[in-house]
PDB file of N, CA and C in Angstrom:
ATOM      1  N   MET A   1     109.159 116.781  90.408  1.00  0.00           N
ATOM      2  CA  MET A   1     107.943 117.450  89.981  1.00  0.00           C
ATOM      3  C   MET A   1     107.938 117.561  88.453  1.00  0.00           C
ATOM      4  N   LEU A   2     106.787 117.285  87.852  1.00  0.00           N
ATOM      5  CA  LEU A   2     106.670 117.337  86.398  1.00  0.00           C
ATOM      6  C   LEU A   2     106.471 118.760  85.916  1.00  0.00           C
ATOM      7  N   ASN A   3     107.120 119.101  84.795  1.00  0.00           N
ATOM      8  CA  ASN A   3     106.832 120.390  84.185  1.00  0.00           C
ATOM      9  C   ASN A   3     105.588 120.243  83.319  1.00  0.00           C
ATOM     10  N   ALA A   4     105.146 121.322  82.695  1.00  0.00           N
ATOM     11  CA  ALA A   4     103.894 121.309  81.928  1.00  0.00           C
ATOM     12  C   ALA A   4     103.942 120.323  80.755  1.00  0.00           C
ATOM     13  N   VAL A   5     105.065 120.250  80.060  1.00  0.00           N
ATOM     14  CA  VAL A   5     105.188 119.339  78.916  1.00  0.00           C
ATOM     15  C   VAL A   5     105.143 117.896  79.398  1.00  0.00           C
ATOM     16  N   GLU A   6     105.902 117.579  80.442  1.00  0.00           N
ATOM     17  CA  GLU A   6     105.898 116.217  80.975  1.00  0.00           C
ATOM     18  C   GLU A   6     104.514 115.831  81.472  1.00  0.00           C
ATOM     19  N   SER A   7     103.831 116.775  82.098  1.00  0.00           N
ATOM     20  CA  SER A   7     102.487 116.519  82.598  1.00  0.00           C
ATOM     21  C   SER A   7     101.516 116.233  81.455  1.00  0.00           C
ATOM     22  N   THR A   8     101.639 116.967  80.365  1.00  0.00           N
ATOM     23  CA  THR A   8     100.784 116.743  79.200  1.00  0.00           C
ATOM     24  C   THR A   8     101.073 115.389  78.583  1.00  0.00           C
ATOM     25  N   LYS A   9     102.358 115.040  78.452  1.00  0.00           N
ATOM     26  CA  LYS A   9     102.737 113.731  77.906  1.00  0.00           C
ATOM     27  C   LYS A   9     102.148 112.618  78.757  1.00  0.00           C
ATOM     28  N   LEU A  10     102.280 112.742  80.064  1.00  0.00           N
ATOM     29  CA  LEU A  10     101.765 111.718  80.958  1.00  0.00           C
ATOM     30  C   LEU A  10     100.250 111.631  80.857  1.00  0.00           C
ATOM     31  N   SER A  11      99.581 112.758  80.732  1.00  0.00           N
ATOM     32  CA  SER A  11      98.129 112.771  80.599  1.00  0.00           C
ATOM     33  C   SER A  11      97.684 112.017  79.348  1.00  0.00           C
ATOM     34  N   VAL A  12      98.390 112.209  78.251  1.00  0.00           N
ATOM     35  CA  VAL A  12      98.066 111.511  77.003  1.00  0.00           C
ATOM     36  C   VAL A  12      98.230 110.008  77.198  1.00  0.00           C
ATOM     37  N   ILE A  13      99.338 109.611  77.786  1.00  0.00           N
ATOM     38  CA  ILE A  13      99.591 108.191  78.007  1.00  0.00           C
ATOM     39  C   ILE A  13      98.551 107.614  78.962  1.00  0.00           C
ATOM     40  N   GLU A  14      98.200 108.347  79.992  1.00  0.00           N
ATOM     41  CA  GLU A  14      97.176 107.872  80.923  1.00  0.00           C
ATOM     42  C   GLU A  14      95.855 107.630  80.203  1.00  0.00           C
ATOM     43  N   ARG A  15      95.472 108.537  79.324  1.00  0.00           N
ATOM     44  CA  ARG A  15      94.219 108.364  78.582  1.00  0.00           C
ATOM     45  C   ARG A  15      94.285 107.153  77.657  1.00  0.00           C
ATOM     46  N   ILE A  16      95.414 106.955  77.017  1.00  0.00           N
ATOM     47  CA  ILE A  16      95.574 105.775  76.154  1.00  0.00           C
ATOM     48  C   ILE A  16      95.465 104.503  76.992  1.00  0.00           C
ATOM     49  N   VAL A  17      96.167 104.473  78.117  1.00  0.00           N
ATOM     50  CA  VAL A  17      96.169 103.284  78.970  1.00  0.00           C
ATOM     51  C   VAL A  17      94.779 103.005  79.521  1.00  0.00           C
ATOM     52  N   ARG A  18      94.047 104.032  79.898  1.00  0.00           N
ATOM     53  CA  ARG A  18      92.696 103.835  80.436  1.00  0.00           C
ATOM     54  C   ARG A  18      91.777 103.181  79.394  1.00  0.00           C
ATOM     55  N   GLY A  19      92.100 103.327  78.119  1.00  0.00           N
ATOM     56  CA  GLY A  19      91.304 102.718  77.061  1.00  0.00           C
ATOM     57  C   GLY A  19      91.792 101.340  76.624  1.00  0.00           C
ATOM     58  N   LEU A  20      92.926 100.890  77.166  1.00  0.00           N
ATOM     59  CA  LEU A  20      93.485  99.607  76.735  1.00  0.00           C
ATOM     60  C   LEU A  20      92.548  98.434  77.008  1.00  0.00           C
ATOM     61  N   HIS A  21      91.841  98.474  78.116  1.00  0.00           N
ATOM     62  CA  HIS A  21      90.939  97.369  78.440  1.00  0.00           C
ATOM     63  C   HIS A  21      89.842  97.237  77.385  1.00  0.00           C
ATOM     64  N   THR A  22      89.338  98.356  76.908  1.00  0.00           N
ATOM     65  CA  THR A  22      88.308  98.351  75.876  1.00  0.00           C
ATOM     66  C   THR A  22      88.866  97.815  74.565  1.00  0.00           C
ATOM     67  N   VAL A  23      90.065  98.263  74.211  1.00  0.00           N
ATOM     68  CA  VAL A  23      90.701  97.786  72.979  1.00  0.00           C
ATOM     69  C   VAL A  23      90.980  96.289  73.084  1.00  0.00           C
ATOM     70  N   ALA A  24      91.500  95.849  74.231  1.00  0.00           N
ATOM     71  CA  ALA A  24      91.785  94.423  74.423  1.00  0.00           C
ATOM     72  C   ALA A  24      90.504  93.601  74.311  1.00  0.00           C
ATOM     73  N   LYS A  25      89.426  94.083  74.887  1.00  0.00           N
ATOM     74  CA  LYS A  25      88.153  93.361  74.822  1.00  0.00           C
ATOM     75  C   LYS A  25      87.675  93.262  73.375  1.00  0.00           C
ATOM     76  N   ALA A  26      87.793  94.341  72.623  1.00  0.00           N
ATOM     77  CA  ALA A  26      87.368  94.325  71.219  1.00  0.00           C
ATOM     78  C   ALA A  26      88.210  93.318  70.417  1.00  0.00           C
ATOM     79  N   ILE A  27      89.510  93.277  70.680  1.00  0.00           N
ATOM     80  CA  ILE A  27      90.366  92.336  69.975  1.00  0.00           C
ATOM     81  C   ILE A  27      90.033  90.908  70.398  1.00  0.00           C
ATOM     82  N   GLU A  28      89.823  90.696  71.679  1.00  0.00           N
ATOM     83  CA  GLU A  28      89.478  89.355  72.172  1.00  0.00           C
ATOM     84  C   GLU A  28      88.191  88.827  71.544  1.00  0.00           C
ATOM     85  N   ASP A  29      87.273  89.725  71.224  1.00  0.00           N
ATOM     86  CA  ASP A  29      86.002  89.327  70.622  1.00  0.00           C
ATOM     87  C   ASP A  29      86.144  88.942  69.147  1.00  0.00           C
ATOM     88  N   ALA A  30      87.272  89.296  68.553  1.00  0.00           N
ATOM     89  CA  ALA A  30      87.524  88.952  67.144  1.00  0.00           C
ATOM     90  C   ALA A  30      88.129  87.557  67.068  1.00  0.00           C
ATOM     91  N   PRO A  31      88.027  86.919  65.915  1.00  0.00           N
ATOM     92  CA  PRO A  31      88.694  85.622  65.743  1.00  0.00           C
ATOM     93  C   PRO A  31      90.205  85.785  65.957  1.00  0.00           C
ATOM     94  N   VAL A  32      90.827  84.803  66.589  1.00  0.00           N
ATOM     95  CA  VAL A  32      92.250  84.870  66.926  1.00  0.00           C
ATOM     96  C   VAL A  32      93.110  85.163  65.696  1.00  0.00           C
ATOM     97  N   GLU A  33      92.737  84.602  64.563  1.00  0.00           N
ATOM     98  CA  GLU A  33      93.549  84.821  63.356  1.00  0.00           C
ATOM     99  C   GLU A  33      93.517  86.285  62.894  1.00  0.00           C
ATOM    100  N   GLU A  34      92.623  87.086  63.421  1.00  0.00           N
ATOM    101  CA  GLU A  34      92.544  88.504  63.056  1.00  0.00           C
ATOM    102  C   GLU A  34      93.200  89.417  64.090  1.00  0.00           C
ATOM    103  N   TRP A  35      93.713  88.850  65.163  1.00  0.00           N
ATOM    104  CA  TRP A  35      94.311  89.669  66.220  1.00  0.00           C
ATOM    105  C   TRP A  35      95.477  90.504  65.718  1.00  0.00           C
ATOM    106  N   TRP A  36      96.349  89.931  64.866  1.00  0.00           N
ATOM    107  CA  TRP A  36      97.519  90.688  64.407  1.00  0.00           C
ATOM    108  C   TRP A  36      97.115  91.892  63.571  1.00  0.00           C
ATOM    109  N   VAL A  37      96.076  91.718  62.779  1.00  0.00           N
ATOM    110  CA  VAL A  37      95.569  92.848  61.984  1.00  0.00           C
ATOM    111  C   VAL A  37      95.037  93.924  62.925  1.00  0.00           C
ATOM    112  N   ALA A  38      94.313  93.504  63.942  1.00  0.00           N
ATOM    113  CA  ALA A  38      93.755  94.450  64.917  1.00  0.00           C
ATOM    114  C   ALA A  38      94.866  95.148  65.698  1.00  0.00           C
ATOM    115  N   LEU A  39      95.894  94.407  66.083  1.00  0.00           N
ATOM    116  CA  LEU A  39      97.020  95.018  66.802  1.00  0.00           C
ATOM    117  C   LEU A  39      97.755  96.033  65.934  1.00  0.00           C
ATOM    118  N   GLU A  40      97.926  95.711  64.664  1.00  0.00           N
ATOM    119  CA  GLU A  40      98.578  96.647  63.748  1.00  0.00           C
ATOM    120  C   GLU A  40      97.733  97.909  63.568  1.00  0.00           C
ATOM    121  N   ALA A  41      96.431  97.728  63.450  1.00  0.00           N
ATOM    122  CA  ALA A  41      95.536  98.884  63.318  1.00  0.00           C
ATOM    123  C   ALA A  41      95.586  99.745  64.576  1.00  0.00           C
ATOM    124  N   ALA A  42      95.615  99.102  65.743  1.00  0.00           N
ATOM    125  CA  ALA A  42      95.700  99.851  67.000  1.00  0.00           C
ATOM    126  C   ALA A  42      97.007 100.629  67.074  1.00  0.00           C
ATOM    127  N   GLU A  43      98.105  99.978  66.706  1.00  0.00           N
ATOM    128  CA  GLU A  43      99.399 100.667  66.747  1.00  0.00           C
ATOM    129  C   GLU A  43      99.410 101.865  65.806  1.00  0.00           C
ATOM    130  N   ASN A  44      98.884 101.704  64.597  1.00  0.00           N
ATOM    131  CA  ASN A  44      98.821 102.822  63.651  1.00  0.00           C
ATOM    132  C   ASN A  44      97.955 103.954  64.189  1.00  0.00           C
ATOM    133  N   SER A  45      96.870 103.603  64.856  1.00  0.00           N
ATOM    134  CA  SER A  45      95.999 104.617  65.450  1.00  0.00           C
ATOM    135  C   SER A  45      96.737 105.388  66.553  1.00  0.00           C
ATOM    136  N   TYR A  46      97.457 104.652  67.410  1.00  0.00           N
ATOM    137  CA  TYR A  46      98.229 105.322  68.461  1.00  0.00           C
ATOM    138  C   TYR A  46      99.305 106.216  67.853  1.00  0.00           C
ATOM    139  N   LEU A  47      99.990 105.730  66.821  1.00  0.00           N
ATOM    140  CA  LEU A  47     101.013 106.547  66.156  1.00  0.00           C
ATOM    141  C   LEU A  47     100.417 107.843  65.608  1.00  0.00           C
ATOM    142  N   ASP A  48      99.298 107.725  64.911  1.00  0.00           N
ATOM    143  CA  ASP A  48      98.651 108.907  64.336  1.00  0.00           C
ATOM    144  C   ASP A  48      98.235 109.889  65.425  1.00  0.00           C
ATOM    145  N   THR A  49      97.678 109.360  66.503  1.00  0.00           N
ATOM    146  CA  THR A  49      97.220 110.217  67.600  1.00  0.00           C
ATOM    147  C   THR A  49      98.389 110.936  68.257  1.00  0.00           C
ATOM    148  N   LEU A  50      99.446 110.201  68.552  1.00  0.00           N
ATOM    149  CA  LEU A  50     100.607 110.806  69.205  1.00  0.00           C
ATOM    150  C   LEU A  50     101.251 111.865  68.320  1.00  0.00           C
ATOM    151  N   ARG A  51     101.380 111.574  67.036  1.00  0.00           N
ATOM    152  CA  ARG A  51     101.944 112.571  66.112  1.00  0.00           C
ATOM    153  C   ARG A  51     101.053 113.801  66.022  1.00  0.00           C
ATOM    154  N   ALA A  52      99.749 113.583  65.967  1.00  0.00           N
ATOM    155  CA  ALA A  52      98.806 114.708  65.892  1.00  0.00           C
ATOM    156  C   ALA A  52      98.871 115.579  67.139  1.00  0.00           C
ATOM    157  N   LEU A  53      99.261 114.984  68.256  1.00  0.00           N
ATOM    158  CA  LEU A  53      99.371 115.732  69.507  1.00  0.00           C
ATOM    159  C   LEU A  53     100.730 116.394  69.684  1.00  0.00           C
ATOM    160  N   GLY A  54     101.592 116.267  68.645  1.00  0.00           N
ATOM    161  CA  GLY A  54     102.859 116.973  68.666  1.00  0.00           C
ATOM    162  C   GLY A  54     104.058 116.168  69.122  1.00  0.00           C
ATOM    163  N   PHE A  55     103.881 114.883  69.364  1.00  0.00           N
ATOM    164  CA  PHE A  55     105.034 114.050  69.702  1.00  0.00           C
ATOM    165  C   PHE A  55     105.878 113.867  68.443  1.00  0.00           C
ATOM    166  N   SER A  56     107.185 113.801  68.607  1.00  0.00           N
ATOM    167  CA  SER A  56     108.070 113.555  67.466  1.00  0.00           C
ATOM    168  C   SER A  56     107.823 112.147  66.940  1.00  0.00           C
ATOM    169  N   ASP A  57     108.337 111.869  65.738  1.00  0.00           N
ATOM    170  CA  ASP A  57     108.200 110.524  65.175  1.00  0.00           C
ATOM    171  C   ASP A  57     108.856 109.484  66.079  1.00  0.00           C
ATOM    172  N   VAL A  58     110.041 109.806  66.576  1.00  0.00           N
ATOM    173  CA  VAL A  58     110.764 108.867  67.440  1.00  0.00           C
ATOM    174  C   VAL A  58     109.968 108.616  68.723  1.00  0.00           C
ATOM    175  N   ALA A  59     109.495 109.672  69.338  1.00  0.00           N
ATOM    176  CA  ALA A  59     108.718 109.518  70.579  1.00  0.00           C
ATOM    177  C   ALA A  59     107.423 108.770  70.308  1.00  0.00           C
ATOM    178  N   SER A  60     106.764 109.100  69.207  1.00  0.00           N
ATOM    179  CA  SER A  60     105.509 108.421  68.857  1.00  0.00           C
ATOM    180  C   SER A  60     105.723 106.937  68.669  1.00  0.00           C
ATOM    181  N   GLN A  61     106.789 106.578  67.957  1.00  0.00           N
ATOM    182  CA  GLN A  61     107.075 105.164  67.706  1.00  0.00           C
ATOM    183  C   GLN A  61     107.411 104.424  69.001  1.00  0.00           C
ATOM    184  N   ALA A  62     108.210 105.059  69.843  1.00  0.00           N
ATOM    185  CA  ALA A  62     108.589 104.421  71.111  1.00  0.00           C
ATOM    186  C   ALA A  62     107.375 104.234  72.018  1.00  0.00           C
ATOM    187  N   LEU A  63     106.555 105.261  72.111  1.00  0.00           N
ATOM    188  CA  LEU A  63     105.369 105.175  72.967  1.00  0.00           C
ATOM    189  C   LEU A  63     104.352 104.183  72.428  1.00  0.00           C
ATOM    190  N   ALA A  64     104.103 104.228  71.124  1.00  0.00           N
ATOM    191  CA  ALA A  64     103.136 103.295  70.533  1.00  0.00           C
ATOM    192  C   ALA A  64     103.607 101.850  70.714  1.00  0.00           C
ATOM    193  N   ALA A  65     104.902 101.606  70.513  1.00  0.00           N
ATOM    194  CA  ALA A  65     105.435 100.250  70.695  1.00  0.00           C
ATOM    195  C   ALA A  65     105.270  99.798  72.143  1.00  0.00           C
ATOM    196  N   ALA A  66     105.532 100.689  73.090  1.00  0.00           N
ATOM    197  CA  ALA A  66     105.374 100.342  74.507  1.00  0.00           C
ATOM    198  C   ALA A  66     103.911 100.048  74.834  1.00  0.00           C
ATOM    199  N   VAL A  67     103.007 100.835  74.287  1.00  0.00           N
ATOM    200  CA  VAL A  67     101.573 100.613  74.520  1.00  0.00           C
ATOM    201  C   VAL A  67     101.150  99.269  73.931  1.00  0.00           C
ATOM    202  N   ILE A  68     101.611  98.970  72.731  1.00  0.00           N
ATOM    203  CA  ILE A  68     101.235  97.703  72.099  1.00  0.00           C
ATOM    204  C   ILE A  68     101.799  96.517  72.883  1.00  0.00           C
ATOM    205  N   ARG A  69     103.006  96.646  73.429  1.00  0.00           N
ATOM    206  CA  ARG A  69     103.541  95.570  74.269  1.00  0.00           C
ATOM    207  C   ARG A  69     102.627  95.327  75.470  1.00  0.00           C
ATOM    208  N   ARG A  70     102.142  96.391  76.057  1.00  0.00           N
ATOM    209  CA  ARG A  70     101.234  96.255  77.206  1.00  0.00           C
ATOM    210  C   ARG A  70      99.886  95.673  76.767  1.00  0.00           C
ATOM    211  N   LEU A  71      99.420  96.071  75.580  1.00  0.00           N
ATOM    212  CA  LEU A  71      98.164  95.530  75.052  1.00  0.00           C
ATOM    213  C   LEU A  71      98.305  94.030  74.800  1.00  0.00           C
ATOM    214  N   LYS A  72      99.426  93.624  74.226  1.00  0.00           N
ATOM    215  CA  LYS A  72      99.675  92.193  74.018  1.00  0.00           C
ATOM    216  C   LYS A  72      99.708  91.458  75.352  1.00  0.00           C
ATOM    217  N   GLY A  73     100.273  92.102  76.352  1.00  0.00           N
ATOM    218  CA  GLY A  73     100.286  91.510  77.685  1.00  0.00           C
ATOM    219  C   GLY A  73      98.878  91.312  78.214  1.00  0.00           C
ATOM    220  N   GLN A  74      98.025  92.306  77.996  1.00  0.00           N
ATOM    221  CA  GLN A  74      96.621  92.185  78.411  1.00  0.00           C
ATOM    222  C   GLN A  74      95.965  91.001  77.716  1.00  0.00           C
ATOM    223  N   LEU A  75      96.227  90.857  76.431  1.00  0.00           N
ATOM    224  CA  LEU A  75      95.642  89.756  75.670  1.00  0.00           C
ATOM    225  C   LEU A  75      96.177  88.403  76.141  1.00  0.00           C
ATOM    226  N   ALA A  76      97.400  88.403  76.671  1.00  0.00           N
ATOM    227  CA  ALA A  76      98.003  87.170  77.161  1.00  0.00           C
ATOM    228  C   ALA A  76      97.592  86.860  78.603  1.00  0.00           C
ATOM    229  N   GLY A  77      96.818  87.749  79.196  1.00  0.00           N
ATOM    230  CA  GLY A  77      96.313  87.485  80.536  1.00  0.00           C
ATOM    231  C   GLY A  77      96.946  88.281  81.654  1.00  0.00           C
ATOM    232  N   ASP A  78      97.820  89.235  81.327  1.00  0.00           N
ATOM    233  CA  ASP A  78      98.380  90.089  82.375  1.00  0.00           C
ATOM    234  C   ASP A  78      97.246  90.761  83.137  1.00  0.00           C
ATOM    235  N   GLN A  79      97.391  90.835  84.422  1.00  0.00           N
ATOM    236  CA  GLN A  79      96.374  91.451  85.267  1.00  0.00           C
ATOM    237  C   GLN A  79      96.901  92.732  85.902  1.00  0.00           C
ATOM    238  N   LEU A  80      97.651  93.504  85.120  1.00  0.00           N
ATOM    239  CA  LEU A  80      98.223  94.739  85.642  1.00  0.00           C
ATOM    240  C   LEU A  80      97.162  95.821  85.763  1.00  0.00           C
ATOM    241  N   THR A  81      97.306  96.660  86.767  1.00  0.00           N
ATOM    242  CA  THR A  81      96.426  97.817  86.897  1.00  0.00           C
ATOM    243  C   THR A  81      96.873  98.881  85.903  1.00  0.00           C
ATOM    244  N   ASP A  82      96.014  99.870  85.680  1.00  0.00           N
ATOM    245  CA  ASP A  82      96.382 100.966  84.782  1.00  0.00           C
ATOM    246  C   ASP A  82      97.651 101.661  85.265  1.00  0.00           C
ATOM    247  N   ASP A  83      97.752 101.877  86.568  1.00  0.00           N
ATOM    248  CA  ASP A  83      98.936 102.547  87.109  1.00  0.00           C
ATOM    249  C   ASP A  83     100.202 101.720  86.891  1.00  0.00           C
ATOM    250  N   GLU A  84     100.102 100.402  87.023  1.00  0.00           N
ATOM    251  CA  GLU A  84     101.255  99.534  86.771  1.00  0.00           C
ATOM    252  C   GLU A  84     101.655  99.588  85.295  1.00  0.00           C
ATOM    253  N   ILE A  85     100.666  99.623  84.418  1.00  0.00           N
ATOM    254  CA  ILE A  85     100.955  99.728  82.985  1.00  0.00           C
ATOM    255  C   ILE A  85     101.647 101.048  82.681  1.00  0.00           C
ATOM    256  N   ILE A  86     101.140 102.126  83.239  1.00  0.00           N
ATOM    257  CA  ILE A  86     101.744 103.450  83.028  1.00  0.00           C
ATOM    258  C   ILE A  86     103.187 103.436  83.521  1.00  0.00           C
ATOM    259  N   ASP A  87     103.421 102.868  84.694  1.00  0.00           N
ATOM    260  CA  ASP A  87     104.784 102.794  85.227  1.00  0.00           C
ATOM    261  C   ASP A  87     105.700 102.000  84.300  1.00  0.00           C
ATOM    262  N   LYS A  88     105.215 100.900  83.745  1.00  0.00           N
ATOM    263  CA  LYS A  88     106.023 100.090  82.835  1.00  0.00           C
ATOM    264  C   LYS A  88     106.336 100.861  81.550  1.00  0.00           C
ATOM    265  N   ILE A  89     105.344 101.577  81.025  1.00  0.00           N
ATOM    266  CA  ILE A  89     105.574 102.376  79.815  1.00  0.00           C
ATOM    267  C   ILE A  89     106.594 103.468  80.104  1.00  0.00           C
ATOM    268  N   ARG A  90     106.444 104.131  81.234  1.00  0.00           N
ATOM    269  CA  ARG A  90     107.406 105.179  81.611  1.00  0.00           C
ATOM    270  C   ARG A  90     108.813 104.601  81.706  1.00  0.00           C
ATOM    271  N   ALA A  91     108.941 103.433  82.311  1.00  0.00           N
ATOM    272  CA  ALA A  91     110.260 102.800  82.462  1.00  0.00           C
ATOM    273  C   ALA A  91     110.836 102.403  81.103  1.00  0.00           C
ATOM    274  N   GLU A  92     110.010 101.823  80.242  1.00  0.00           N
ATOM    275  CA  GLU A  92     110.488 101.406  78.923  1.00  0.00           C
ATOM    276  C   GLU A  92     110.939 102.596  78.096  1.00  0.00           C
ATOM    277  N   VAL A  93     110.107 103.618  78.045  1.00  0.00           N
ATOM    278  CA  VAL A  93     110.415 104.783  77.215  1.00  0.00           C
ATOM    279  C   VAL A  93     111.587 105.553  77.803  1.00  0.00           C
ATOM    280  N   GLY A  94     111.630 105.671  79.107  1.00  0.00           N
ATOM    281  CA  GLY A  94     112.749 106.367  79.763  1.00  0.00           C
ATOM    282  C   GLY A  94     114.058 105.652  79.537  1.00  0.00           C
ATOM    283  N   ALA A  95     114.017 104.327  79.470  1.00  0.00           N
ATOM    284  CA  ALA A  95     115.226 103.534  79.231  1.00  0.00           C
ATOM    285  C   ALA A  95     115.741 103.725  77.814  1.00  0.00           C
ATOM    286  N   LEU A  96     114.850 104.059  76.894  1.00  0.00           N
ATOM    287  CA  LEU A  96     115.259 104.248  75.504  1.00  0.00           C
ATOM    288  C   LEU A  96     115.977 105.571  75.294  1.00  0.00           C
ATOM    289  N   ASP A  97     115.450 106.611  75.917  1.00  0.00           N
ATOM    290  CA  ASP A  97     116.008 107.945  75.667  1.00  0.00           C
ATOM    291  C   ASP A  97     115.487 108.887  76.742  1.00  0.00           C
ATOM    292  N   GLU A  98     116.377 109.573  77.417  1.00  0.00           N
ATOM    293  CA  GLU A  98     115.965 110.499  78.457  1.00  0.00           C
ATOM    294  C   GLU A  98     115.035 111.579  77.927  1.00  0.00           C
ATOM    295  N   ASN A  99     115.178 111.948  76.659  1.00  0.00           N
ATOM    296  CA  ASN A  99     114.326 112.987  76.084  1.00  0.00           C
ATOM    297  C   ASN A  99     112.884 112.517  75.926  1.00  0.00           C
ATOM    298  N   LEU A 100     112.660 111.206  75.939  1.00  0.00           N
ATOM    299  CA  LEU A 100     111.311 110.669  75.813  1.00  0.00           C
ATOM    300  C   LEU A 100     110.705 110.377  77.167  1.00  0.00           C
ATOM    301  N   ALA A 101     111.483 110.456  78.213  1.00  0.00           N
ATOM    302  CA  ALA A 101     111.007 110.083  79.544  1.00  0.00           C
ATOM    303  C   ALA A 101     109.802 110.915  79.929  1.00  0.00           C
ATOM    304  N   LEU A 102     108.863 110.245  80.578  1.00  0.00           N
ATOM    305  CA  LEU A 102     107.654 110.921  81.049  1.00  0.00           C
ATOM    306  C   LEU A 102     107.789 111.222  82.514  1.00  0.00           C
TER     307      LEU A 102
END
């Protein structure tokens, strides 16, 4: 069972993941040579958001990197559901540090 902090962390990640399809579509609509700039901007936005919500720098960096990996997967044609993406992010972040586990 999740405690209140874990539940809040998961809620934030769920909201980010639910928006990944929109972000991926916006990037796909840009010229391919601009994708890296767009991915960097997205990662910086996720970092700022996570930090503003009280995540530590380490947690913010780990979560943003995991989200960007999933976003790159979407751009490469991954057909994962939102729940599968959330599970992968949870597994990646949990593998890095138990204190970051969702």
